[in-house]
Amino acid sequence: MKILKITMSGLFMISAYALACAADSTVEVEGVTLTTSKAAEGFSQKVRGLKPNEMKELIQMESTALRLVQRYVPEIKKNGVTAKVLDQAYTSWLKDKSRSKPAPDELIPAFGVQLGNLALKECKGSWVHVTDNYGEGLAIDFLKSNQQVYPIDSVYKRFDRQEADFFVSLFKVYVLAGNDKLK
């Protein structure tokens, strides 16, 4: 499975629908603005569960994330990875000038998966594969709110902008979305 980087307009989106139409509601958490909306006419989206090989890749990415977090925040134990720790590790990675610095295409999907898994510990949902008018990618589909978030795409977007210290804010917004608190 190849994870595609999808560049999205706006600060970030809770579902692909937000790109296609006018906003219905907006919330801001620590400087991160989230807009949700109804699907526009002509917008199509196909959502399916992950195939076994895709699940295996998610597990591998989570393992990669742990390895990279431990490289940049060595005092962290396996169960100590939080959104704040991801912020610390990501910021250290951005500043890393060494020749052995992991490539963006190794770190970004791994940290996106780790962020998504942290949200799934707080809210019921599952990883899904989404294909829509903008491309394809992995998302988390929350059961309670019927909303989707795109953790890998969110990290890619911030890398493109060279942003740092965003994992905690994204995590908080994802938990609000997963618990249906964005209405």
N, C-alpha and C. Protein backbone atom coordinates (compact mmCIF):
# COMPACT_ATOMS: atom_id res chain seq x y z
N MET A 1 0.84 -1.18 0.00
CA MET A 1 0.00 0.00 0.00
C MET A 1 0.88 1.23 0.00
N LYS A 2 0.60 2.14 -0.86
CA LYS A 2 1.30 3.42 -0.88
C LYS A 2 0.39 4.46 -0.27
N ILE A 3 0.89 5.18 0.72
CA ILE A 3 0.10 6.23 1.34
C ILE A 3 0.34 7.49 0.55
N LEU A 4 -0.73 8.05 0.03
CA LEU A 4 -0.62 9.23 -0.81
C LEU A 4 -0.70 10.48 0.04
N LYS A 5 0.15 11.42 -0.29
CA LYS A 5 0.07 12.73 0.35
C LYS A 5 -0.99 13.53 -0.39
N ILE A 6 -1.95 14.01 0.34
CA ILE A 6 -3.01 14.81 -0.25
C ILE A 6 -2.91 16.20 0.35
N THR A 7 -2.63 17.19 -0.49
CA THR A 7 -2.57 18.56 0.00
C THR A 7 -4.00 19.10 0.06
N MET A 8 -4.38 19.67 1.20
CA MET A 8 -5.74 20.13 1.42
C MET A 8 -5.76 21.61 1.72
N SER A 9 -6.80 22.31 1.28
CA SER A 9 -6.91 23.73 1.56
C SER A 9 -7.53 23.95 2.93
N GLY A 10 -7.32 25.13 3.47
CA GLY A 10 -7.83 25.44 4.80
C GLY A 10 -6.82 24.99 5.84
N LEU A 11 -7.03 25.32 7.11
CA LEU A 11 -6.07 24.96 8.14
C LEU A 11 -5.97 23.46 8.29
N PHE A 12 -7.05 22.75 8.39
CA PHE A 12 -7.10 21.30 8.25
C PHE A 12 -8.55 20.88 8.26
N MET A 13 -8.80 19.62 7.89
CA MET A 13 -10.19 19.23 7.76
C MET A 13 -10.52 18.03 8.62
N ILE A 14 -11.76 17.98 9.03
CA ILE A 14 -12.23 16.86 9.81
C ILE A 14 -12.74 15.76 8.90
N SER A 15 -13.19 16.10 7.73
CA SER A 15 -13.53 15.10 6.72
C SER A 15 -13.32 15.69 5.35
N ALA A 16 -13.24 14.87 4.36
CA ALA A 16 -13.04 15.36 2.99
C ALA A 16 -14.20 16.24 2.56
N TYR A 17 -15.34 16.07 3.18
CA TYR A 17 -16.49 16.88 2.84
C TYR A 17 -16.24 18.37 3.05
N ALA A 18 -15.42 18.70 4.03
CA ALA A 18 -15.20 20.11 4.35
C ALA A 18 -14.60 20.87 3.18
N LEU A 19 -13.91 20.20 2.31
CA LEU A 19 -13.32 20.86 1.16
C LEU A 19 -14.36 21.21 0.09
N ALA A 20 -15.44 20.46 0.07
CA ALA A 20 -16.37 20.52 -1.04
C ALA A 20 -17.51 21.50 -0.87
N CYS A 21 -17.64 22.09 0.29
CA CYS A 21 -18.85 22.89 0.49
C CYS A 21 -18.71 23.94 1.58
N ALA A 22 -19.74 24.73 1.73
CA ALA A 22 -19.76 25.81 2.71
C ALA A 22 -19.82 25.26 4.13
N ALA A 23 -19.27 26.02 5.06
CA ALA A 23 -19.16 25.57 6.44
C ALA A 23 -20.50 25.60 7.15
N ASP A 24 -20.72 24.60 8.00
CA ASP A 24 -21.88 24.57 8.87
C ASP A 24 -21.50 24.96 10.29
N SER A 25 -20.30 24.57 10.74
CA SER A 25 -19.87 24.92 12.08
C SER A 25 -18.35 25.00 12.13
N THR A 26 -17.86 25.80 13.06
CA THR A 26 -16.42 25.99 13.21
C THR A 26 -16.08 25.98 14.69
N VAL A 27 -14.94 25.39 15.02
CA VAL A 27 -14.47 25.38 16.39
C VAL A 27 -12.97 25.65 16.35
N GLU A 28 -12.44 26.31 17.37
CA GLU A 28 -11.00 26.56 17.45
C GLU A 28 -10.50 25.99 18.76
N VAL A 29 -9.41 25.21 18.70
CA VAL A 29 -8.76 24.66 19.87
C VAL A 29 -7.29 25.01 19.79
N GLU A 30 -6.81 25.81 20.71
CA GLU A 30 -5.41 26.20 20.78
C GLU A 30 -4.87 26.63 19.43
N GLY A 31 -5.60 27.48 18.74
CA GLY A 31 -5.12 28.01 17.48
C GLY A 31 -5.40 27.16 16.26
N VAL A 32 -5.96 25.96 16.43
CA VAL A 32 -6.31 25.11 15.30
C VAL A 32 -7.79 25.28 15.02
N THR A 33 -8.11 25.75 13.82
CA THR A 33 -9.50 25.97 13.44
C THR A 33 -9.99 24.75 12.67
N LEU A 34 -11.16 24.29 13.04
CA LEU A 34 -11.76 23.12 12.41
C LEU A 34 -13.13 23.50 11.88
N THR A 35 -13.38 23.19 10.63
CA THR A 35 -14.67 23.48 10.02
C THR A 35 -15.29 22.18 9.54
N THR A 36 -16.53 21.96 9.88
CA THR A 36 -17.26 20.80 9.37
C THR A 36 -18.38 21.30 8.47
N SER A 37 -18.80 20.46 7.55
CA SER A 37 -19.80 20.88 6.60
C SER A 37 -20.50 19.70 5.96
N LYS A 38 -21.53 20.00 5.20
CA LYS A 38 -22.28 18.97 4.47
C LYS A 38 -21.65 18.77 3.10
N ALA A 39 -21.83 17.58 2.55
CA ALA A 39 -21.25 17.27 1.25
C ALA A 39 -21.93 18.07 0.14
N ALA A 40 -21.12 18.53 -0.79
CA ALA A 40 -21.65 19.26 -1.94
C ALA A 40 -22.18 18.27 -2.97
N GLU A 41 -23.08 18.74 -3.77
CA GLU A 41 -23.60 17.92 -4.84
C GLU A 41 -22.46 17.54 -5.77
N GLY A 42 -22.41 16.29 -6.19
CA GLY A 42 -21.37 15.84 -7.08
C GLY A 42 -20.11 15.35 -6.39
N PHE A 43 -20.04 15.49 -5.07
CA PHE A 43 -18.89 15.02 -4.33
C PHE A 43 -19.11 13.56 -3.99
N SER A 44 -18.16 12.71 -4.33
CA SER A 44 -18.32 11.29 -4.02
C SER A 44 -17.20 10.83 -3.12
N GLN A 45 -17.54 9.91 -2.26
CA GLN A 45 -16.57 9.37 -1.31
C GLN A 45 -16.88 7.89 -1.11
N LYS A 46 -15.84 7.07 -1.22
CA LYS A 46 -15.95 5.64 -0.95
C LYS A 46 -15.09 5.34 0.26
N VAL A 47 -15.70 4.69 1.23
CA VAL A 47 -14.99 4.34 2.46
C VAL A 47 -15.07 2.83 2.62
N ARG A 48 -13.92 2.23 2.89
CA ARG A 48 -13.90 0.79 3.14
C ARG A 48 -12.96 0.50 4.30
N GLY A 49 -13.19 -0.63 4.92
CA GLY A 49 -12.29 -1.08 5.97
C GLY A 49 -10.94 -1.43 5.38
N LEU A 50 -9.96 -1.55 6.23
CA LEU A 50 -8.61 -1.85 5.76
C LEU A 50 -8.46 -3.33 5.46
N LYS A 51 -7.68 -3.62 4.45
CA LYS A 51 -7.33 -4.99 4.10
C LYS A 51 -6.25 -5.47 5.06
N PRO A 52 -6.08 -6.79 5.19
CA PRO A 52 -5.06 -7.30 6.13
C PRO A 52 -3.66 -6.73 5.89
N ASN A 53 -3.25 -6.58 4.63
CA ASN A 53 -1.92 -6.03 4.38
C ASN A 53 -1.84 -4.56 4.80
N GLU A 54 -2.94 -3.82 4.71
CA GLU A 54 -2.95 -2.42 5.15
C GLU A 54 -2.88 -2.34 6.67
N MET A 55 -3.56 -3.26 7.35
CA MET A 55 -3.49 -3.31 8.82
C MET A 55 -2.05 -3.62 9.25
N LYS A 56 -1.41 -4.55 8.54
CA LYS A 56 -0.03 -4.89 8.86
C LYS A 56 0.88 -3.67 8.69
N GLU A 57 0.66 -2.88 7.65
CA GLU A 57 1.46 -1.68 7.44
C GLU A 57 1.23 -0.65 8.55
N LEU A 58 -0.01 -0.54 9.03
CA LEU A 58 -0.28 0.37 10.15
C LEU A 58 0.51 -0.04 11.38
N ILE A 59 0.53 -1.34 11.65
CA ILE A 59 1.27 -1.85 12.80
C ILE A 59 2.76 -1.56 12.62
N GLN A 60 3.27 -1.74 11.41
CA GLN A 60 4.68 -1.45 11.14
C GLN A 60 4.97 0.04 11.32
N MET A 61 4.04 0.90 10.88
CA MET A 61 4.24 2.34 11.04
C MET A 61 4.23 2.74 12.50
N GLU A 62 3.37 2.10 13.29
CA GLU A 62 3.35 2.40 14.72
C GLU A 62 4.69 2.01 15.36
N SER A 63 5.23 0.89 14.94
CA SER A 63 6.54 0.46 15.43
C SER A 63 7.63 1.44 15.00
N THR A 64 7.56 1.91 13.76
CA THR A 64 8.51 2.91 13.27
C THR A 64 8.40 4.19 14.09
N ALA A 65 7.18 4.60 14.39
CA ALA A 65 6.97 5.81 15.20
C ALA A 65 7.64 5.67 16.56
N LEU A 66 7.46 4.53 17.19
CA LEU A 66 8.06 4.31 18.50
C LEU A 66 9.59 4.39 18.42
N ARG A 67 10.15 3.76 17.41
CA ARG A 67 11.61 3.79 17.22
C ARG A 67 12.10 5.22 17.03
N LEU A 68 11.39 6.00 16.22
CA LEU A 68 11.81 7.37 15.95
C LEU A 68 11.60 8.28 17.16
N VAL A 69 10.51 8.07 17.88
CA VAL A 69 10.29 8.85 19.11
C VAL A 69 11.44 8.58 20.08
N GLN A 70 11.82 7.31 20.23
CA GLN A 70 12.90 6.97 21.15
C GLN A 70 14.24 7.55 20.69
N ARG A 71 14.42 7.72 19.40
CA ARG A 71 15.64 8.35 18.89
C ARG A 71 15.71 9.81 19.33
N TYR A 72 14.58 10.52 19.25
CA TYR A 72 14.58 11.96 19.51
C TYR A 72 14.19 12.32 20.94
N VAL A 73 13.52 11.43 21.63
CA VAL A 73 13.16 11.64 23.04
C VAL A 73 13.50 10.34 23.77
N PRO A 74 14.80 10.08 23.99
CA PRO A 74 15.25 8.77 24.48
C PRO A 74 14.68 8.34 25.83
N GLU A 75 14.30 9.28 26.65
CA GLU A 75 13.81 8.92 27.99
C GLU A 75 12.38 8.36 27.98
N ILE A 76 11.73 8.34 26.84
CA ILE A 76 10.35 7.87 26.74
C ILE A 76 10.29 6.35 26.71
N LYS A 77 9.40 5.80 27.48
CA LYS A 77 9.15 4.36 27.47
C LYS A 77 8.11 4.05 26.39
N LYS A 78 7.96 2.79 26.08
CA LYS A 78 7.04 2.37 25.01
C LYS A 78 5.62 2.89 25.24
N ASN A 79 5.12 2.80 26.46
CA ASN A 79 3.74 3.24 26.73
C ASN A 79 3.64 4.72 27.07
N GLY A 80 4.74 5.44 26.96
CA GLY A 80 4.74 6.85 27.32
C GLY A 80 4.56 7.80 26.15
N VAL A 81 4.23 7.29 24.97
CA VAL A 81 4.07 8.16 23.81
C VAL A 81 2.72 8.87 23.91
N THR A 82 2.79 10.18 23.95
CA THR A 82 1.60 11.04 23.99
C THR A 82 1.70 12.05 22.85
N ALA A 83 0.68 12.83 22.67
CA ALA A 83 0.73 13.88 21.65
C ALA A 83 1.84 14.88 21.98
N LYS A 84 2.05 15.17 23.24
CA LYS A 84 3.12 16.10 23.64
C LYS A 84 4.49 15.52 23.29
N VAL A 85 4.67 14.23 23.50
CA VAL A 85 5.93 13.57 23.16
C VAL A 85 6.13 13.58 21.64
N LEU A 86 5.05 13.38 20.88
CA LEU A 86 5.16 13.48 19.42
C LEU A 86 5.60 14.88 19.01
N ASP A 87 5.07 15.90 19.67
CA ASP A 87 5.51 17.27 19.40
C ASP A 87 7.01 17.42 19.65
N GLN A 88 7.48 16.91 20.79
CA GLN A 88 8.90 17.02 21.12
C GLN A 88 9.77 16.30 20.08
N ALA A 89 9.39 15.09 19.74
CA ALA A 89 10.18 14.30 18.80
C ALA A 89 10.16 14.93 17.41
N TYR A 90 9.01 15.41 16.98
CA TYR A 90 8.89 16.01 15.66
C TYR A 90 9.72 17.29 15.56
N THR A 91 9.66 18.11 16.59
CA THR A 91 10.44 19.35 16.62
C THR A 91 11.94 19.03 16.59
N SER A 92 12.36 18.03 17.33
CA SER A 92 13.77 17.62 17.31
C SER A 92 14.16 17.10 15.94
N TRP A 93 13.27 16.36 15.31
CA TRP A 93 13.53 15.85 13.96
C TRP A 93 13.69 17.00 12.97
N LEU A 94 12.81 18.02 13.06
CA LEU A 94 12.92 19.17 12.16
C LEU A 94 14.29 19.85 12.29
N LYS A 95 14.81 19.89 13.51
CA LYS A 95 16.09 20.56 13.78
C LYS A 95 17.31 19.69 13.47
N ASP A 96 17.08 18.41 13.27
CA ASP A 96 18.16 17.44 13.04
C ASP A 96 18.86 17.73 11.72
N LYS A 97 20.17 17.97 11.78
CA LYS A 97 20.97 18.26 10.58
C LYS A 97 21.88 17.08 10.23
N SER A 98 21.73 15.96 10.92
CA SER A 98 22.63 14.83 10.71
C SER A 98 22.35 14.13 9.38
N ARG A 99 23.34 13.41 8.91
CA ARG A 99 23.19 12.64 7.68
C ARG A 99 22.28 11.43 7.89
N SER A 100 22.11 11.02 9.12
CA SER A 100 21.27 9.85 9.42
C SER A 100 19.82 10.23 9.75
N LYS A 101 19.48 11.47 9.53
CA LYS A 101 18.11 11.93 9.79
C LYS A 101 17.13 11.11 8.94
N PRO A 102 16.09 10.56 9.57
CA PRO A 102 15.09 9.80 8.81
C PRO A 102 14.41 10.69 7.77
N ALA A 103 14.07 10.10 6.65
CA ALA A 103 13.40 10.82 5.57
C ALA A 103 11.98 11.20 5.99
N PRO A 104 11.45 12.30 5.44
CA PRO A 104 10.08 12.69 5.75
C PRO A 104 9.07 11.58 5.47
N ASP A 105 9.25 10.83 4.38
CA ASP A 105 8.29 9.78 4.04
C ASP A 105 8.37 8.57 4.97
N GLU A 106 9.35 8.54 5.85
CA GLU A 106 9.40 7.51 6.89
C GLU A 106 8.73 8.03 8.16
N LEU A 107 9.10 9.24 8.56
CA LEU A 107 8.62 9.77 9.84
C LEU A 107 7.17 10.25 9.78
N ILE A 108 6.80 10.97 8.76
CA ILE A 108 5.48 11.62 8.74
C ILE A 108 4.33 10.61 8.79
N PRO A 109 4.30 9.58 7.95
CA PRO A 109 3.19 8.63 8.07
C PRO A 109 3.19 7.90 9.41
N ALA A 110 4.39 7.59 9.91
CA ALA A 110 4.49 6.89 11.19
C ALA A 110 3.92 7.74 12.32
N PHE A 111 4.28 9.02 12.37
CA PHE A 111 3.76 9.89 13.41
C PHE A 111 2.27 10.14 13.23
N GLY A 112 1.80 10.19 11.98
CA GLY A 112 0.37 10.33 11.73
C GLY A 112 -0.41 9.13 12.26
N VAL A 113 0.13 7.95 12.02
CA VAL A 113 -0.52 6.74 12.53
C VAL A 113 -0.53 6.74 14.06
N GLN A 114 0.59 7.14 14.65
CA GLN A 114 0.65 7.18 16.12
C GLN A 114 -0.37 8.18 16.67
N LEU A 115 -0.49 9.34 16.04
CA LEU A 115 -1.48 10.33 16.46
C LEU A 115 -2.89 9.75 16.34
N GLY A 116 -3.17 9.11 15.22
CA GLY A 116 -4.49 8.49 15.04
C GLY A 116 -4.77 7.42 16.08
N ASN A 117 -3.78 6.61 16.39
CA ASN A 117 -3.98 5.56 17.39
C ASN A 117 -4.21 6.15 18.78
N LEU A 118 -3.56 7.27 19.08
CA LEU A 118 -3.84 7.94 20.36
C LEU A 118 -5.30 8.38 20.42
N ALA A 119 -5.80 8.93 19.33
CA ALA A 119 -7.21 9.35 19.29
C ALA A 119 -8.14 8.15 19.44
N LEU A 120 -7.78 7.03 18.82
CA LEU A 120 -8.62 5.83 18.92
C LEU A 120 -8.65 5.25 20.33
N LYS A 121 -7.65 5.54 21.14
CA LYS A 121 -7.67 5.10 22.55
C LYS A 121 -8.71 5.88 23.34
N GLU A 122 -9.04 7.08 22.87
CA GLU A 122 -10.00 7.94 23.56
C GLU A 122 -11.41 7.84 22.99
N CYS A 123 -11.54 7.45 21.75
CA CYS A 123 -12.84 7.46 21.06
C CYS A 123 -12.98 6.18 20.24
N LYS A 124 -14.20 5.65 20.19
CA LYS A 124 -14.43 4.45 19.38
C LYS A 124 -14.43 4.82 17.90
N GLY A 125 -13.71 4.02 17.15
CA GLY A 125 -13.63 4.22 15.72
C GLY A 125 -12.67 3.23 15.12
N SER A 126 -12.36 3.43 13.86
CA SER A 126 -11.44 2.53 13.18
C SER A 126 -10.75 3.24 12.02
N TRP A 127 -9.59 2.69 11.65
CA TRP A 127 -8.91 3.16 10.45
C TRP A 127 -9.68 2.68 9.24
N VAL A 128 -9.82 3.55 8.24
CA VAL A 128 -10.50 3.20 7.00
C VAL A 128 -9.69 3.74 5.82
N HIS A 129 -9.97 3.21 4.66
CA HIS A 129 -9.38 3.70 3.41
C HIS A 129 -10.45 4.52 2.72
N VAL A 130 -10.11 5.77 2.35
CA VAL A 130 -11.08 6.68 1.73
C VAL A 130 -10.59 7.04 0.33
N THR A 131 -11.50 6.95 -0.62
CA THR A 131 -11.25 7.44 -1.98
C THR A 131 -12.33 8.47 -2.27
N ASP A 132 -11.91 9.66 -2.70
CA ASP A 132 -12.88 10.71 -3.01
C ASP A 132 -12.37 11.56 -4.16
N ASN A 133 -13.02 12.67 -4.40
CA ASN A 133 -12.66 13.55 -5.51
C ASN A 133 -11.25 14.09 -5.41
N TYR A 134 -10.63 14.04 -4.24
CA TYR A 134 -9.32 14.61 -4.01
C TYR A 134 -8.20 13.57 -4.04
N GLY A 135 -8.53 12.30 -4.07
CA GLY A 135 -7.53 11.25 -4.08
C GLY A 135 -7.92 10.15 -3.12
N GLU A 136 -6.90 9.53 -2.54
CA GLU A 136 -7.16 8.46 -1.58
C GLU A 136 -6.20 8.56 -0.42
N GLY A 137 -6.60 7.99 0.69
CA GLY A 137 -5.75 8.02 1.87
C GLY A 137 -6.40 7.28 3.02
N LEU A 138 -5.70 7.26 4.13
CA LEU A 138 -6.20 6.61 5.33
C LEU A 138 -6.81 7.66 6.25
N ALA A 139 -7.90 7.27 6.87
CA ALA A 139 -8.59 8.16 7.80
C ALA A 139 -9.05 7.35 8.99
N ILE A 140 -9.44 8.06 10.02
CA ILE A 140 -10.12 7.42 11.15
C ILE A 140 -11.59 7.79 11.05
N ASP A 141 -12.42 6.80 11.10
CA ASP A 141 -13.87 6.99 11.05
C ASP A 141 -14.38 6.77 12.47
N PHE A 142 -14.87 7.84 13.11
CA PHE A 142 -15.36 7.74 14.48
C PHE A 142 -16.80 7.27 14.49
N LEU A 143 -17.10 6.28 15.32
CA LEU A 143 -18.43 5.69 15.36
C LEU A 143 -19.48 6.63 15.93
N LYS A 144 -19.17 7.27 17.06
CA LYS A 144 -20.17 8.09 17.74
C LYS A 144 -20.59 9.31 16.92
N SER A 145 -19.62 9.94 16.28
CA SER A 145 -19.90 11.19 15.59
C SER A 145 -20.07 11.03 14.08
N ASN A 146 -19.68 9.86 13.56
CA ASN A 146 -19.73 9.62 12.11
C ASN A 146 -18.89 10.67 11.36
N GLN A 147 -17.79 11.09 11.96
CA GLN A 147 -16.88 12.04 11.33
C GLN A 147 -15.56 11.34 11.07
N GLN A 148 -14.81 11.88 10.14
CA GLN A 148 -13.51 11.32 9.80
C GLN A 148 -12.42 12.36 10.04
N VAL A 149 -11.26 11.86 10.42
CA VAL A 149 -10.06 12.69 10.52
C VAL A 149 -8.95 12.00 9.74
N TYR A 150 -8.03 12.78 9.27
CA TYR A 150 -6.94 12.30 8.42
C TYR A 150 -5.60 12.61 9.07
N PRO A 151 -5.18 11.82 10.05
CA PRO A 151 -3.96 12.15 10.79
C PRO A 151 -2.69 12.20 9.92
N ILE A 152 -2.53 11.28 9.00
CA ILE A 152 -1.32 11.27 8.18
C ILE A 152 -1.28 12.52 7.30
N ASP A 153 -2.40 12.82 6.66
CA ASP A 153 -2.47 14.02 5.82
C ASP A 153 -2.25 15.28 6.63
N SER A 154 -2.75 15.30 7.87
CA SER A 154 -2.57 16.47 8.73
C SER A 154 -1.10 16.71 9.04
N VAL A 155 -0.34 15.64 9.26
CA VAL A 155 1.08 15.80 9.56
C VAL A 155 1.83 16.22 8.30
N TYR A 156 1.49 15.62 7.14
CA TYR A 156 2.13 16.05 5.89
C TYR A 156 1.91 17.55 5.65
N LYS A 157 0.70 18.00 5.89
CA LYS A 157 0.39 19.41 5.64
C LYS A 157 1.26 20.32 6.50
N ARG A 158 1.43 19.96 7.75
CA ARG A 158 2.23 20.79 8.63
C ARG A 158 3.72 20.71 8.29
N PHE A 159 4.16 19.55 7.79
CA PHE A 159 5.54 19.44 7.33
C PHE A 159 5.76 20.38 6.14
N ASP A 160 4.81 20.41 5.21
CA ASP A 160 4.93 21.30 4.05
C ASP A 160 5.11 22.75 4.48
N ARG A 161 4.48 23.12 5.58
CA ARG A 161 4.56 24.49 6.11
C ARG A 161 5.69 24.68 7.12
N GLN A 162 6.40 23.59 7.42
CA GLN A 162 7.47 23.59 8.42
C GLN A 162 6.95 24.02 9.79
N GLU A 163 5.73 23.63 10.11
CA GLU A 163 5.15 23.93 11.42
C GLU A 163 5.66 22.93 12.46
N ALA A 164 5.58 23.32 13.70
CA ALA A 164 5.93 22.45 14.82
C ALA A 164 4.89 22.66 15.92
N ASP A 165 4.93 21.80 16.91
CA ASP A 165 4.06 21.91 18.09
C ASP A 165 2.58 21.94 17.72
N PHE A 166 2.13 20.95 16.99
CA PHE A 166 0.73 20.88 16.58
C PHE A 166 0.05 19.57 17.00
N PHE A 167 0.80 18.58 17.44
CA PHE A 167 0.22 17.28 17.75
C PHE A 167 -0.80 17.36 18.90
N VAL A 168 -0.49 18.12 19.94
CA VAL A 168 -1.42 18.22 21.08
C VAL A 168 -2.73 18.85 20.63
N SER A 169 -2.67 19.92 19.86
CA SER A 169 -3.89 20.58 19.39
C SER A 169 -4.70 19.66 18.48
N LEU A 170 -4.03 18.99 17.55
CA LEU A 170 -4.75 18.06 16.67
C LEU A 170 -5.41 16.95 17.48
N PHE A 171 -4.67 16.42 18.43
CA PHE A 171 -5.22 15.35 19.27
C PHE A 171 -6.49 15.82 19.98
N LYS A 172 -6.45 17.01 20.55
CA LYS A 172 -7.63 17.53 21.26
C LYS A 172 -8.82 17.69 20.30
N VAL A 173 -8.56 18.19 19.11
CA VAL A 173 -9.64 18.36 18.13
C VAL A 173 -10.17 17.00 17.69
N TYR A 174 -9.28 16.04 17.48
CA TYR A 174 -9.72 14.69 17.09
C TYR A 174 -10.61 14.08 18.16
N VAL A 175 -10.25 14.26 19.42
CA VAL A 175 -11.07 13.71 20.51
C VAL A 175 -12.43 14.41 20.55
N LEU A 176 -12.45 15.72 20.35
CA LEU A 176 -13.74 16.42 20.27
C LEU A 176 -14.58 15.87 19.12
N ALA A 177 -13.95 15.67 17.98
CA ALA A 177 -14.67 15.14 16.82
C ALA A 177 -15.17 13.72 17.10
N GLY A 178 -14.33 12.91 17.68
CA GLY A 178 -14.71 11.53 17.96
C GLY A 178 -15.81 11.40 18.98
N ASN A 179 -15.88 12.34 19.89
CA ASN A 179 -16.93 12.33 20.92
C ASN A 179 -18.14 13.17 20.54
N ASP A 180 -18.20 13.58 19.28
CA ASP A 180 -19.34 14.33 18.74
C ASP A 180 -19.57 15.65 19.47
N LYS A 181 -18.49 16.35 19.77
CA LYS A 181 -18.57 17.63 20.49
C LYS A 181 -18.37 18.83 19.59
N LEU A 182 -18.44 18.64 18.28
CA LEU A 182 -18.19 19.75 17.35
C LEU A 182 -19.44 20.28 16.69
N LYS A 183 -20.56 20.14 17.32
CA LYS A 183 -21.80 20.60 16.71
C LYS A 183 -22.18 21.97 17.21
